[in-house]
Protein backbone atom coordinates (compact mmCIF):
# COMPACT_ATOMS: atom_id res chain seq x y z
CA MET A 1 25.69 -0.38 74.45
CA GLY A 2 28.56 2.95 74.94
CA HIS A 3 32.04 3.30 73.92
CA TYR A 4 33.17 1.95 77.34
CA GLU A 5 31.24 -1.09 77.16
CA THR A 6 32.59 -2.16 73.13
CA CYS A 7 35.86 -0.99 74.52
CA ARG A 8 35.66 -3.69 77.30
CA ARG A 9 34.46 -6.85 74.82
CA GLY A 10 37.13 -5.91 72.48
CA ILE A 11 39.92 -6.41 74.91
CA GLY A 12 43.17 -7.97 73.00
CA ARG A 13 41.74 -6.67 69.36
CA PRO A 14 43.16 -4.44 67.51
CA VAL A 15 40.78 -1.97 66.51
CA GLN A 16 41.03 1.83 64.52
CA ILE A 17 39.88 5.46 67.43
CA ARG A 18 38.90 7.94 65.84
CA MET A 19 39.09 11.61 68.45
CA SER A 20 36.45 13.57 68.53
CA ASN A 21 39.06 16.09 67.85
CA GLY A 22 39.68 13.92 64.32
CA ALA A 23 43.23 12.02 65.43
CA VAL A 24 43.25 8.94 64.44
CA HIS A 25 44.55 5.69 66.33
CA ARG A 26 45.44 2.44 65.69
CA GLY A 27 46.53 -0.43 68.06
CA VAL A 28 45.79 -3.56 69.74
CA ILE A 29 42.98 -2.72 73.12
CA ASP A 30 45.11 -3.91 76.73
CA ARG A 31 42.85 -2.88 79.00
CA VAL A 32 39.96 -0.61 79.87
CA SER A 33 39.52 1.46 82.64
CA PRO A 34 36.75 3.58 83.93
CA GLY A 35 37.82 6.67 82.12
CA SER A 36 40.02 5.92 79.46
CA VAL A 37 41.21 2.62 76.88
CA PHE A 38 44.86 1.37 76.61
CA LEU A 39 45.79 0.85 72.83
CA ARG A 40 48.79 -1.36 72.16
CA PRO A 41 50.66 -0.70 68.60
CA LEU A 42 50.21 -3.16 66.34
CA GLY A 43 53.32 -4.99 65.32
CA GLY A 44 55.47 -5.89 62.78
CA ARG A 45 56.97 -2.72 63.35
CA ASN A 46 59.84 -1.31 65.98
CA TYR A 47 61.10 -5.33 67.30
CA ASP A 48 56.92 -6.01 67.02
CA GLY A 49 54.93 -2.36 68.09
CA TYR A 50 57.55 -2.18 71.75
CA GLY A 51 59.97 0.53 69.73
CA TYR A 52 60.81 3.66 71.73
CA GLY A 53 58.13 5.04 74.28
CA TRP A 54 56.44 1.31 74.16
CA GLY A 55 58.37 -0.46 76.71
CA TRP A 56 57.33 0.75 80.55
CA GLY A 57 55.00 -1.52 81.22
CA GLY A 58 53.39 -2.34 78.34
CA PHE A 59 50.35 -0.76 78.40
CA GLY A 60 51.24 1.56 74.97
CA THR A 61 49.27 4.44 74.58
CA GLY A 62 45.75 5.71 77.27
CA LEU A 63 42.73 7.48 75.18
CA ALA A 64 40.17 8.96 77.16
CA ILE A 65 37.03 6.93 76.44
CA GLY A 66 34.83 10.45 76.90
CA ALA A 67 36.63 11.78 73.95
CA ILE A 68 36.04 8.29 71.74
CA ALA A 69 33.94 9.78 68.61
CA ALA A 70 34.28 6.29 66.83
CA ILE A 71 35.80 2.56 67.50
CA ALA A 72 36.16 0.43 64.27
CA PHE A 73 37.96 -2.63 64.83
CA LEU A 74 40.13 -4.47 61.88
CA PRO A 75 41.25 -8.10 60.96
CA PHE A 76 44.20 -9.29 62.25
CA PHE A 77 45.92 -9.15 59.79
CA TRP A 78 45.34 -5.47 59.28
């Protein structure tokens, strides 16, 4: 199963995604397109995760699926 299918099946779940350049992103998978996965920040910080830069549309950060090196699902209480 590729990263696209893994992300699609994980919508609504918290994840840690490591990119091929070594960057690490943590959040909840909000939506997935054929080329990108969109993360919402994990809650509990900055107005439940929606601080500066997160208020537009609620989609969070878009990450290129082709640049994903690894995906790890996190427990909900993380």
